[in-house]
């Protein structure tokens, strides 16, 4: 019995990895290119305040490589350069939600519909949370720290994948070292995600989730949110997990809820966010993520005809 499980697990792992590996390498190369040639100073000059600034901040969060913790110092830079709280929170939401690597992997493993919905959710969610925080700040309901403490600046303590840390050292980044650094950091989480997804597909009977929870019923959405929101995953790891749940009978809507919720509430990132947006802001931010993931999943499920 154990030998049969191990055999099926290895076969599923090899098949899944073989199908996705070229996309993973391509995503890492694209992310490295952006990390080397996209200058943060250029982005900071175009983000001051207003609705358009929130859209730009959301787009910036999507294209900046690295995990949310790696972009936290840039969020502080936005605040220091005069960006409003709405612009900063738009950036904070978009940063973990999408990146060049994860979008390419999402296309490869989940298809264009999930990828397009992820981009759209990132833009709409970024502007929505930015608008909410702007209103709360104008109403003086939020008390925001003026700056991050020195010990929280420029560090990535979450264990998530971060890009090569040469900012501030005076050294010019080079493509191949950054590319290899991304592979080293993302590769282990990519492998862990593939292994978990393969084990779930092999161990759990097909249509098990649909039989117990309903593929797209209220329980399925609730279970997806409860599983995804507190779950700790690093960049890209959520994609094979979502694929495994789809194979087990979970509907597209709840699967999309899981996809968004599992990346938006990385605990170390939330702790660092508190230093930037304050305790009240963190509570609003966390609550927004839960509602946002559920609403986006419901809309995606309806658009899929389920």
C-alpha atoms as a PDB file:
ATOM      1  CA  UNK A   1       0.000   0.000   0.000  1.00  0.00           C
ATOM      2  CA  UNK A   2       2.774   2.425   0.977  1.00  0.00           C
ATOM      3  CA  UNK A   3       4.884   1.475  -2.027  1.00  0.00           C
ATOM      4  CA  UNK A   4       1.930   2.060  -4.353  1.00  0.00           C
ATOM      5  CA  UNK A   5       1.346   5.491  -2.813  1.00  0.00           C
ATOM      6  CA  UNK A   6       5.021   6.419  -3.165  1.00  0.00           C
ATOM      7  CA  UNK A   7       5.060   5.247  -6.775  1.00  0.00           C
ATOM      8  CA  UNK A   8       1.961   7.253  -7.672  1.00  0.00           C
ATOM      9  CA  UNK A   9       3.279  10.258  -5.761  1.00  0.00           C
ATOM     10  CA  UNK A  10       6.599  10.257  -7.612  1.00  0.00           C
ATOM     11  CA  UNK A  11       4.897   9.852 -10.985  1.00  0.00           C
ATOM     12  CA  UNK A  12       2.463  12.714 -10.259  1.00  0.00           C
ATOM     13  CA  UNK A  13       5.266  14.928  -8.938  1.00  0.00           C
ATOM     14  CA  UNK A  14       7.485  14.324 -11.982  1.00  0.00           C
ATOM     15  CA  UNK A  15       4.618  14.836 -14.431  1.00  0.00           C
ATOM     16  CA  UNK A  16       3.432  18.042 -12.805  1.00  0.00           C
ATOM     17  CA  UNK A  17       6.941  19.461 -12.445  1.00  0.00           C
ATOM     18  CA  UNK A  18       7.897  18.564 -16.010  1.00  0.00           C
ATOM     19  CA  UNK A  19       4.837  20.371 -17.371  1.00  0.00           C
ATOM     20  CA  UNK A  20       5.434  23.538 -15.378  1.00  0.00           C
ATOM     21  CA  UNK A  21       9.243  23.784 -15.091  1.00  0.00           C
ATOM     22  CA  UNK A  22       9.779  25.739 -18.367  1.00  0.00           C
ATOM     23  CA  UNK A  23       7.209  28.313 -17.240  1.00  0.00           C
ATOM     24  CA  UNK A  24       8.852  28.539 -13.832  1.00  0.00           C
ATOM     25  CA  UNK A  25      12.270  29.203 -15.379  1.00  0.00           C
ATOM     26  CA  UNK A  26      10.773  31.764 -17.761  1.00  0.00           C
ATOM     27  CA  UNK A  27       9.024  33.542 -14.914  1.00  0.00           C
ATOM     28  CA  UNK A  28      12.228  33.639 -12.871  1.00  0.00           C
ATOM     29  CA  UNK A  29      14.111  35.115 -15.843  1.00  0.00           C
ATOM     30  CA  UNK A  30      11.447  37.786 -16.374  1.00  0.00           C
ATOM     31  CA  UNK A  31      11.439  38.624 -12.670  1.00  0.00           C
ATOM     32  CA  UNK A  32      15.229  38.907 -12.623  1.00  0.00           C
ATOM     33  CA  UNK A  33      15.185  41.217 -15.655  1.00  0.00           C
ATOM     34  CA  UNK A  34      12.705  43.532 -13.949  1.00  0.00           C
ATOM     35  CA  UNK A  35      14.673  43.453 -10.711  1.00  0.00           C
ATOM     36  CA  UNK A  36      17.838  44.491 -12.534  1.00  0.00           C
ATOM     37  CA  UNK A  37      16.451  47.167 -14.846  1.00  0.00           C
ATOM     38  CA  UNK A  38      13.388  48.597 -13.076  1.00  0.00           C
ATOM     39  CA  UNK A  39      14.557  51.406 -10.845  1.00  0.00           C
ATOM     40  CA  UNK A  40      12.505  52.089  -7.668  1.00  0.00           C
ATOM     41  CA  UNK A  41      13.343  55.794  -7.898  1.00  0.00           C
ATOM     42  CA  UNK A  42      11.495  55.991 -11.213  1.00  0.00           C
ATOM     43  CA  UNK A  43       8.391  54.484  -9.663  1.00  0.00           C
ATOM     44  CA  UNK A  44       8.512  56.727  -6.605  1.00  0.00           C
ATOM     45  CA  UNK A  45       8.394  59.863  -8.760  1.00  0.00           C
ATOM     46  CA  UNK A  46       5.024  58.831 -10.227  1.00  0.00           C
ATOM     47  CA  UNK A  47       3.213  57.946  -6.998  1.00  0.00           C
ATOM     48  CA  UNK A  48       1.986  60.879  -4.974  1.00  0.00           C
ATOM     49  CA  UNK A  49      -1.746  60.661  -4.387  1.00  0.00           C
ATOM     50  CA  UNK A  50      -5.190  60.462  -5.939  1.00  0.00           C
ATOM     51  CA  UNK A  51      -7.091  57.786  -7.835  1.00  0.00           C
ATOM     52  CA  UNK A  52      -4.580  57.451 -10.649  1.00  0.00           C
ATOM     53  CA  UNK A  53      -1.802  57.033  -8.130  1.00  0.00           C
ATOM     54  CA  UNK A  54      -3.653  54.068  -6.586  1.00  0.00           C
ATOM     55  CA  UNK A  55      -3.923  52.402  -9.991  1.00  0.00           C
ATOM     56  CA  UNK A  56      -0.226  52.998 -10.609  1.00  0.00           C
ATOM     57  CA  UNK A  57       0.629  51.641  -7.156  1.00  0.00           C
ATOM     58  CA  UNK A  58      -1.378  48.478  -7.864  1.00  0.00           C
ATOM     59  CA  UNK A  59       0.406  47.970 -11.179  1.00  0.00           C
ATOM     60  CA  UNK A  60       3.756  48.620  -9.519  1.00  0.00           C
ATOM     61  CA  UNK A  61       2.989  46.026  -6.847  1.00  0.00           C
ATOM     62  CA  UNK A  62       2.289  43.463  -9.573  1.00  0.00           C
ATOM     63  CA  UNK A  63       5.459  44.032 -11.588  1.00  0.00           C
ATOM     64  CA  UNK A  64       7.956  44.445  -8.766  1.00  0.00           C
ATOM     65  CA  UNK A  65       9.700  41.073  -8.239  1.00  0.00           C
ATOM     66  CA  UNK A  66      10.172  39.605  -4.788  1.00  0.00           C
ATOM     67  CA  UNK A  67       7.835  38.812  -1.909  1.00  0.00           C
ATOM     68  CA  UNK A  68       5.727  41.288   0.013  1.00  0.00           C
ATOM     69  CA  UNK A  69       8.342  41.609   2.759  1.00  0.00           C
ATOM     70  CA  UNK A  70      10.973  42.578   0.192  1.00  0.00           C
ATOM     71  CA  UNK A  71       8.771  45.426  -1.037  1.00  0.00           C
ATOM     72  CA  UNK A  72       7.971  46.731   2.447  1.00  0.00           C
ATOM     73  CA  UNK A  73      10.919  49.187   2.432  1.00  0.00           C
ATOM     74  CA  UNK A  74       9.604  50.553  -0.861  1.00  0.00           C
ATOM     75  CA  UNK A  75       6.197  51.082   0.732  1.00  0.00           C
ATOM     76  CA  UNK A  76       7.967  53.120   3.387  1.00  0.00           C
ATOM     77  CA  UNK A  77       9.697  55.023   0.595  1.00  0.00           C
ATOM     78  CA  UNK A  78       6.319  55.835  -0.939  1.00  0.00           C
ATOM     79  CA  UNK A  79       5.141  57.242   2.380  1.00  0.00           C
ATOM     80  CA  UNK A  80       8.322  59.306   2.822  1.00  0.00           C
ATOM     81  CA  UNK A  81       8.017  60.725  -0.693  1.00  0.00           C
ATOM     82  CA  UNK A  82       4.575  62.085   0.150  1.00  0.00           C
ATOM     83  CA  UNK A  83       2.326  59.292  -1.120  1.00  0.00           C
ATOM     84  CA  UNK A  84      -1.029  59.101   0.647  1.00  0.00           C
ATOM     85  CA  UNK A  85      -2.042  56.179   2.830  1.00  0.00           C
ATOM     86  CA  UNK A  86      -4.432  55.030   0.112  1.00  0.00           C
ATOM     87  CA  UNK A  87      -1.591  54.755  -2.400  1.00  0.00           C
ATOM     88  CA  UNK A  88       0.591  52.860   0.066  1.00  0.00           C
ATOM     89  CA  UNK A  89      -2.108  50.311   0.936  1.00  0.00           C
ATOM     90  CA  UNK A  90      -2.906  49.811  -2.766  1.00  0.00           C
ATOM     91  CA  UNK A  91       0.724  48.847  -3.216  1.00  0.00           C
ATOM     92  CA  UNK A  92       0.710  46.591  -0.142  1.00  0.00           C
ATOM     93  CA  UNK A  93      -2.320  44.631  -1.371  1.00  0.00           C
ATOM     94  CA  UNK A  94      -1.072  44.193  -4.932  1.00  0.00           C
ATOM     95  CA  UNK A  95       2.460  43.195  -3.987  1.00  0.00           C
ATOM     96  CA  UNK A  96       1.749  39.685  -2.615  1.00  0.00           C
ATOM     97  CA  UNK A  97      -1.198  39.116  -4.933  1.00  0.00           C
ATOM     98  CA  UNK A  98       0.664  39.091  -8.231  1.00  0.00           C
ATOM     99  CA  UNK A  99       4.192  39.171  -9.615  1.00  0.00           C
ATOM    100  CA  UNK A 100       5.732  38.290 -12.972  1.00  0.00           C
ATOM    101  CA  UNK A 101       6.671  34.822 -11.723  1.00  0.00           C
ATOM    102  CA  UNK A 102       3.311  33.974 -10.192  1.00  0.00           C
ATOM    103  CA  UNK A 103       1.312  35.257 -13.149  1.00  0.00           C
ATOM    104  CA  UNK A 104       3.288  33.097 -15.568  1.00  0.00           C
ATOM    105  CA  UNK A 105       2.911  30.076 -13.273  1.00  0.00           C
ATOM    106  CA  UNK A 106      -0.796  30.751 -12.880  1.00  0.00           C
ATOM    107  CA  UNK A 107      -1.206  30.786 -16.672  1.00  0.00           C
ATOM    108  CA  UNK A 108       0.769  27.546 -17.007  1.00  0.00           C
ATOM    109  CA  UNK A 109      -1.018  25.579 -14.281  1.00  0.00           C
ATOM    110  CA  UNK A 110      -4.491  27.119 -13.985  1.00  0.00           C
ATOM    111  CA  UNK A 111      -5.115  28.692 -17.378  1.00  0.00           C
ATOM    112  CA  UNK A 112      -5.773  32.140 -18.766  1.00  0.00           C
ATOM    113  CA  UNK A 113      -9.068  32.658 -16.917  1.00  0.00           C
ATOM    114  CA  UNK A 114      -7.450  32.376 -13.493  1.00  0.00           C
ATOM    115  CA  UNK A 115      -4.569  34.585 -14.662  1.00  0.00           C
ATOM    116  CA  UNK A 116      -6.824  37.309 -16.070  1.00  0.00           C
ATOM    117  CA  UNK A 117      -9.013  37.195 -12.942  1.00  0.00           C
ATOM    118  CA  UNK A 118      -5.926  37.468 -10.746  1.00  0.00           C
ATOM    119  CA  UNK A 119      -4.738  40.582 -12.589  1.00  0.00           C
ATOM    120  CA  UNK A 120      -8.214  42.132 -12.516  1.00  0.00           C
ATOM    121  CA  UNK A 121      -8.644  41.341  -8.815  1.00  0.00           C
ATOM    122  CA  UNK A 122      -5.275  42.916  -8.108  1.00  0.00           C
ATOM    123  CA  UNK A 123      -6.214  46.167  -9.848  1.00  0.00           C
ATOM    124  CA  UNK A 124      -9.751  46.406  -8.459  1.00  0.00           C
ATOM    125  CA  UNK A 125      -8.734  45.289  -4.980  1.00  0.00           C
ATOM    126  CA  UNK A 126      -5.813  47.710  -4.892  1.00  0.00           C
ATOM    127  CA  UNK A 127      -7.959  50.706  -5.810  1.00  0.00           C
ATOM    128  CA  UNK A 128     -10.757  49.585  -3.450  1.00  0.00           C
ATOM    129  CA  UNK A 129      -8.561  49.235  -0.375  1.00  0.00           C
ATOM    130  CA  UNK A 130      -6.704  52.420  -1.240  1.00  0.00           C
ATOM    131  CA  UNK A 131      -9.980  54.333  -1.436  1.00  0.00           C
ATOM    132  CA  UNK A 132     -11.124  52.869   1.881  1.00  0.00           C
ATOM    133  CA  UNK A 133      -7.913  53.836   3.672  1.00  0.00           C
ATOM    134  CA  UNK A 134      -7.953  57.295   2.114  1.00  0.00           C
ATOM    135  CA  UNK A 135     -11.459  57.897   3.506  1.00  0.00           C
ATOM    136  CA  UNK A 136     -10.496  56.557   6.935  1.00  0.00           C
ATOM    137  CA  UNK A 137      -7.387  58.735   7.011  1.00  0.00           C
ATOM    138  CA  UNK A 138      -9.338  61.844   5.982  1.00  0.00           C
ATOM    139  CA  UNK A 139     -11.868  61.062   8.726  1.00  0.00           C
ATOM    140  CA  UNK A 140      -8.982  60.897  11.245  1.00  0.00           C
ATOM    141  CA  UNK A 141     -10.066  57.376  12.216  1.00  0.00           C
ATOM    142  CA  UNK A 142      -6.606  55.939  11.554  1.00  0.00           C
ATOM    143  CA  UNK A 143      -3.480  56.896  13.424  1.00  0.00           C
ATOM    144  CA  UNK A 144      -0.584  55.996  11.186  1.00  0.00           C
ATOM    145  CA  UNK A 145       3.057  55.769  12.317  1.00  0.00           C
ATOM    146  CA  UNK A 146       5.194  58.438  10.717  1.00  0.00           C
ATOM    147  CA  UNK A 147       7.870  55.930   9.656  1.00  0.00           C
ATOM    148  CA  UNK A 148       9.015  52.363  10.096  1.00  0.00           C
ATOM    149  CA  UNK A 149      11.349  51.624  13.002  1.00  0.00           C
ATOM    150  CA  UNK A 150      14.957  51.234  11.921  1.00  0.00           C
ATOM    151  CA  UNK A 151      15.021  47.495  12.649  1.00  0.00           C
ATOM    152  CA  UNK A 152      12.112  46.858  10.274  1.00  0.00           C
ATOM    153  CA  UNK A 153      13.648  48.586   7.274  1.00  0.00           C
ATOM    154  CA  UNK A 154      15.065  46.730   4.336  1.00  0.00           C
ATOM    155  CA  UNK A 155      14.815  43.291   5.914  1.00  0.00           C
ATOM    156  CA  UNK A 156      12.908  40.235   4.878  1.00  0.00           C
ATOM    157  CA  UNK A 157      12.327  38.025   7.894  1.00  0.00           C
ATOM    158  CA  UNK A 158       9.472  35.905   6.711  1.00  0.00           C
ATOM    159  CA  UNK A 159      11.379  33.190   4.936  1.00  0.00           C
ATOM    160  CA  UNK A 160       9.545  34.163   1.754  1.00  0.00           C
ATOM    161  CA  UNK A 161      11.464  34.531  -1.450  1.00  0.00           C
ATOM    162  CA  UNK A 162      13.193  37.875  -1.795  1.00  0.00           C
ATOM    163  CA  UNK A 163      15.157  39.255  -4.664  1.00  0.00           C
ATOM    164  CA  UNK A 164      18.854  39.891  -4.450  1.00  0.00           C
ATOM    165  CA  UNK A 165      19.510  42.401  -1.700  1.00  0.00           C
ATOM    166  CA  UNK A 166      21.998  44.771  -3.258  1.00  0.00           C
ATOM    167  CA  UNK A 167      19.902  47.927  -2.884  1.00  0.00           C
ATOM    168  CA  UNK A 168      21.707  50.545  -0.882  1.00  0.00           C
ATOM    169  CA  UNK A 169      25.148  48.866  -1.230  1.00  0.00           C
ATOM    170  CA  UNK A 170      26.210  50.930  -4.229  1.00  0.00           C
ATOM    171  CA  UNK A 171      26.652  47.821  -6.355  1.00  0.00           C
ATOM    172  CA  UNK A 172      24.949  47.511  -9.709  1.00  0.00           C
ATOM    173  CA  UNK A 173      22.753  44.424 -10.001  1.00  0.00           C
ATOM    174  CA  UNK A 174      23.582  41.833 -12.646  1.00  0.00           C
ATOM    175  CA  UNK A 175      21.082  39.533 -14.316  1.00  0.00           C
ATOM    176  CA  UNK A 176      22.592  36.097 -13.680  1.00  0.00           C
ATOM    177  CA  UNK A 177      23.270  36.500  -9.940  1.00  0.00           C
ATOM    178  CA  UNK A 178      19.732  37.810  -9.441  1.00  0.00           C
ATOM    179  CA  UNK A 179      18.274  35.035 -11.633  1.00  0.00           C
ATOM    180  CA  UNK A 180      20.128  32.351  -9.645  1.00  0.00           C
ATOM    181  CA  UNK A 181      19.084  33.993  -6.376  1.00  0.00           C
ATOM    182  CA  UNK A 182      15.416  33.881  -7.426  1.00  0.00           C
ATOM    183  CA  UNK A 183      15.763  30.229  -8.434  1.00  0.00           C
ATOM    184  CA  UNK A 184      17.404  29.375  -5.125  1.00  0.00           C
ATOM    185  CA  UNK A 185      14.789  31.142  -3.037  1.00  0.00           C
ATOM    186  CA  UNK A 186      11.678  30.335  -5.067  1.00  0.00           C
ATOM    187  CA  UNK A 187      12.791  26.852  -6.089  1.00  0.00           C
ATOM    188  CA  UNK A 188      12.393  25.299  -2.647  1.00  0.00           C
ATOM    189  CA  UNK A 189       8.882  26.673  -2.234  1.00  0.00           C
ATOM    190  CA  UNK A 190       8.038  25.646  -5.784  1.00  0.00           C
ATOM    191  CA  UNK A 191       9.181  22.078  -4.974  1.00  0.00           C
ATOM    192  CA  UNK A 192       7.281  22.052  -1.653  1.00  0.00           C
ATOM    193  CA  UNK A 193       4.124  23.239  -3.385  1.00  0.00           C
ATOM    194  CA  UNK A 194       4.468  20.578  -6.069  1.00  0.00           C
ATOM    195  CA  UNK A 195       5.061  17.886  -3.446  1.00  0.00           C
ATOM    196  CA  UNK A 196       2.009  18.884  -1.375  1.00  0.00           C
ATOM    197  CA  UNK A 197      -0.175  19.126  -4.472  1.00  0.00           C
ATOM    198  CA  UNK A 198       0.985  15.702  -5.701  1.00  0.00           C
ATOM    199  CA  UNK A 199       0.396  14.123  -2.288  1.00  0.00           C
ATOM    200  CA  UNK A 200      -3.124  15.570  -2.074  1.00  0.00           C
ATOM    201  CA  UNK A 201      -4.045  14.348  -5.548  1.00  0.00           C
ATOM    202  CA  UNK A 202      -2.742  10.833  -4.818  1.00  0.00           C
ATOM    203  CA  UNK A 203      -4.006  10.488  -1.237  1.00  0.00           C
ATOM    204  CA  UNK A 204      -7.518  11.972  -1.506  1.00  0.00           C
ATOM    205  CA  UNK A 205     -10.133  10.328  -3.742  1.00  0.00           C
ATOM    206  CA  UNK A 206     -11.246  12.357  -6.734  1.00  0.00           C
ATOM    207  CA  UNK A 207     -14.451  14.347  -6.145  1.00  0.00           C
ATOM    208  CA  UNK A 208     -13.999  13.908  -2.372  1.00  0.00           C
ATOM    209  CA  UNK A 209     -14.379  17.652  -1.723  1.00  0.00           C
ATOM    210  CA  UNK A 210     -17.388  17.929  -4.013  1.00  0.00           C
ATOM    211  CA  UNK A 211     -19.116  15.046  -2.247  1.00  0.00           C
ATOM    212  CA  UNK A 212     -18.507  16.424   1.255  1.00  0.00           C
ATOM    213  CA  UNK A 213     -18.729  20.193   0.782  1.00  0.00           C
ATOM    214  CA  UNK A 214     -20.250  20.698  -2.637  1.00  0.00           C
ATOM    215  CA  UNK A 215     -17.990  21.894  -5.423  1.00  0.00           C
ATOM    216  CA  UNK A 216     -19.193  25.510  -5.271  1.00  0.00           C
ATOM    217  CA  UNK A 217     -21.655  25.678  -2.398  1.00  0.00           C
ATOM    218  CA  UNK A 218     -21.508  27.998   0.635  1.00  0.00           C
ATOM    219  CA  UNK A 219     -19.523  25.436   2.630  1.00  0.00           C
ATOM    220  CA  UNK A 220     -16.946  25.198  -0.144  1.00  0.00           C
ATOM    221  CA  UNK A 221     -16.388  28.973  -0.132  1.00  0.00           C
ATOM    222  CA  UNK A 222     -16.219  29.080   3.652  1.00  0.00           C
ATOM    223  CA  UNK A 223     -13.769  26.174   3.782  1.00  0.00           C
ATOM    224  CA  UNK A 224     -11.610  27.790   1.088  1.00  0.00           C
ATOM    225  CA  UNK A 225     -11.469  31.069   3.016  1.00  0.00           C
ATOM    226  CA  UNK A 226     -10.804  29.389   6.371  1.00  0.00           C
ATOM    227  CA  UNK A 227      -8.070  27.242   4.821  1.00  0.00           C
ATOM    228  CA  UNK A 228      -6.506  29.968   2.708  1.00  0.00           C
ATOM    229  CA  UNK A 229      -6.508  33.072   4.898  1.00  0.00           C
ATOM    230  CA  UNK A 230      -4.502  31.716   7.869  1.00  0.00           C
ATOM    231  CA  UNK A 231      -2.321  29.488   5.672  1.00  0.00           C
ATOM    232  CA  UNK A 232       1.337  30.467   5.361  1.00  0.00           C
ATOM    233  CA  UNK A 233       2.524  30.114   1.766  1.00  0.00           C
ATOM    234  CA  UNK A 234       5.317  31.807  -0.107  1.00  0.00           C
ATOM    235  CA  UNK A 235       5.314  33.190  -3.616  1.00  0.00           C
ATOM    236  CA  UNK A 236       4.058  30.652  -6.141  1.00  0.00           C
ATOM    237  CA  UNK A 237       3.361  27.877  -3.632  1.00  0.00           C
ATOM    238  CA  UNK A 238      -0.373  28.594  -3.674  1.00  0.00           C
ATOM    239  CA  UNK A 239      -0.697  27.759  -7.391  1.00  0.00           C
ATOM    240  CA  UNK A 240      -0.028  23.989  -7.301  1.00  0.00           C
ATOM    241  CA  UNK A 241      -2.134  23.776  -4.139  1.00  0.00           C
ATOM    242  CA  UNK A 242      -5.038  25.422  -5.958  1.00  0.00           C
ATOM    243  CA  UNK A 243      -4.574  23.023  -8.870  1.00  0.00           C
ATOM    244  CA  UNK A 244      -4.718  20.032  -6.534  1.00  0.00           C
ATOM    245  CA  UNK A 245      -7.985  21.277  -4.992  1.00  0.00           C
ATOM    246  CA  UNK A 246      -9.467  21.704  -8.479  1.00  0.00           C
ATOM    247  CA  UNK A 247      -8.484  18.122  -9.304  1.00  0.00           C
ATOM    248  CA  UNK A 248     -10.176  16.978  -6.103  1.00  0.00           C
ATOM    249  CA  UNK A 249     -13.481  18.519  -7.149  1.00  0.00           C
ATOM    250  CA  UNK A 250     -13.389  22.044  -5.702  1.00  0.00           C
ATOM    251  CA  UNK A 251     -15.187  24.525  -7.935  1.00  0.00           C
ATOM    252  CA  UNK A 252     -13.399  27.421  -9.690  1.00  0.00           C
ATOM    253  CA  UNK A 253     -14.981  30.041  -7.415  1.00  0.00           C
ATOM    254  CA  UNK A 254     -13.865  28.567  -4.069  1.00  0.00           C
ATOM    255  CA  UNK A 255     -10.505  27.681  -5.635  1.00  0.00           C
ATOM    256  CA  UNK A 256     -10.026  31.341  -6.578  1.00  0.00           C
ATOM    257  CA  UNK A 257     -10.955  32.370  -3.037  1.00  0.00           C
ATOM    258  CA  UNK A 258      -8.248  30.045  -1.734  1.00  0.00           C
ATOM    259  CA  UNK A 259      -5.747  31.357  -4.292  1.00  0.00           C
ATOM    260  CA  UNK A 260      -6.195  34.968  -3.192  1.00  0.00           C
ATOM    261  CA  UNK A 261      -6.625  34.384   0.531  1.00  0.00           C
ATOM    262  CA  UNK A 262      -3.553  32.201   0.907  1.00  0.00           C
ATOM    263  CA  UNK A 263      -1.171  34.866  -0.420  1.00  0.00           C
ATOM    264  CA  UNK A 264      -2.734  38.001   1.024  1.00  0.00           C
ATOM    265  CA  UNK A 265      -2.315  37.304   4.706  1.00  0.00           C
ATOM    266  CA  UNK A 266       1.265  36.106   5.096  1.00  0.00           C
ATOM    267  CA  UNK A 267       1.706  36.514   8.883  1.00  0.00           C
ATOM    268  CA  UNK A 268       5.193  38.115   8.902  1.00  0.00           C
ATOM    269  CA  UNK A 269       4.050  40.574   6.240  1.00  0.00           C
ATOM    270  CA  UNK A 270       1.011  41.471   8.330  1.00  0.00           C
ATOM    271  CA  UNK A 271       3.248  42.122  11.336  1.00  0.00           C
ATOM    272  CA  UNK A 272       5.467  44.400   9.273  1.00  0.00           C
ATOM    273  CA  UNK A 273       2.403  46.128   7.824  1.00  0.00           C
ATOM    274  CA  UNK A 274       1.341  47.119  11.340  1.00  0.00           C
ATOM    275  CA  UNK A 275       4.476  49.242  11.610  1.00  0.00           C
ATOM    276  CA  UNK A 276       3.466  51.087   8.476  1.00  0.00           C
ATOM    277  CA  UNK A 277      -0.324  51.415   8.731  1.00  0.00           C
ATOM    278  CA  UNK A 278      -0.908  51.081  12.492  1.00  0.00           C
ATOM    279  CA  UNK A 279      -2.982  48.617  14.540  1.00  0.00           C
ATOM    280  CA  UNK A 280      -6.358  49.875  13.426  1.00  0.00           C
ATOM    281  CA  UNK A 281      -5.160  49.915   9.855  1.00  0.00           C
ATOM    282  CA  UNK A 282      -3.942  46.332  10.190  1.00  0.00           C
ATOM    283  CA  UNK A 283      -7.355  45.201  11.494  1.00  0.00           C
ATOM    284  CA  UNK A 284      -9.088  46.885   8.545  1.00  0.00           C
ATOM    285  CA  UNK A 285      -6.506  45.445   6.146  1.00  0.00           C
ATOM    286  CA  UNK A 286      -7.001  41.867   7.411  1.00  0.00           C
ATOM    287  CA  UNK A 287     -10.807  42.126   7.376  1.00  0.00           C
ATOM    288  CA  UNK A 288     -10.721  43.571   3.872  1.00  0.00           C
ATOM    289  CA  UNK A 289      -8.650  40.608   2.650  1.00  0.00           C
ATOM    290  CA  UNK A 290     -11.192  38.060   3.924  1.00  0.00           C
ATOM    291  CA  UNK A 291     -14.141  39.879   2.322  1.00  0.00           C
ATOM    292  CA  UNK A 292     -12.143  40.557  -0.824  1.00  0.00           C
ATOM    293  CA  UNK A 293     -11.132  36.903  -1.298  1.00  0.00           C
ATOM    294  CA  UNK A 294     -14.700  35.672  -0.783  1.00  0.00           C
ATOM    295  CA  UNK A 295     -16.247  38.299  -3.082  1.00  0.00           C
ATOM    296  CA  UNK A 296     -13.677  37.734  -5.823  1.00  0.00           C
ATOM    297  CA  UNK A 297     -14.213  33.985  -5.626  1.00  0.00           C
ATOM    298  CA  UNK A 298     -17.986  34.375  -5.870  1.00  0.00           C
ATOM    299  CA  UNK A 299     -17.706  36.648  -8.917  1.00  0.00           C
ATOM    300  CA  UNK A 300     -15.224  34.307 -10.549  1.00  0.00           C
ATOM    301  CA  UNK A 301     -17.516  31.355  -9.878  1.00  0.00           C
ATOM    302  CA  UNK A 302     -20.477  33.192 -11.421  1.00  0.00           C
ATOM    303  CA  UNK A 303     -18.427  34.141 -14.477  1.00  0.00           C
ATOM    304  CA  UNK A 304     -17.451  30.486 -14.854  1.00  0.00           C
ATOM    305  CA  UNK A 305     -21.116  29.477 -14.852  1.00  0.00           C
ATOM    306  CA  UNK A 306     -20.882  27.682 -11.492  1.00  0.00           C
END
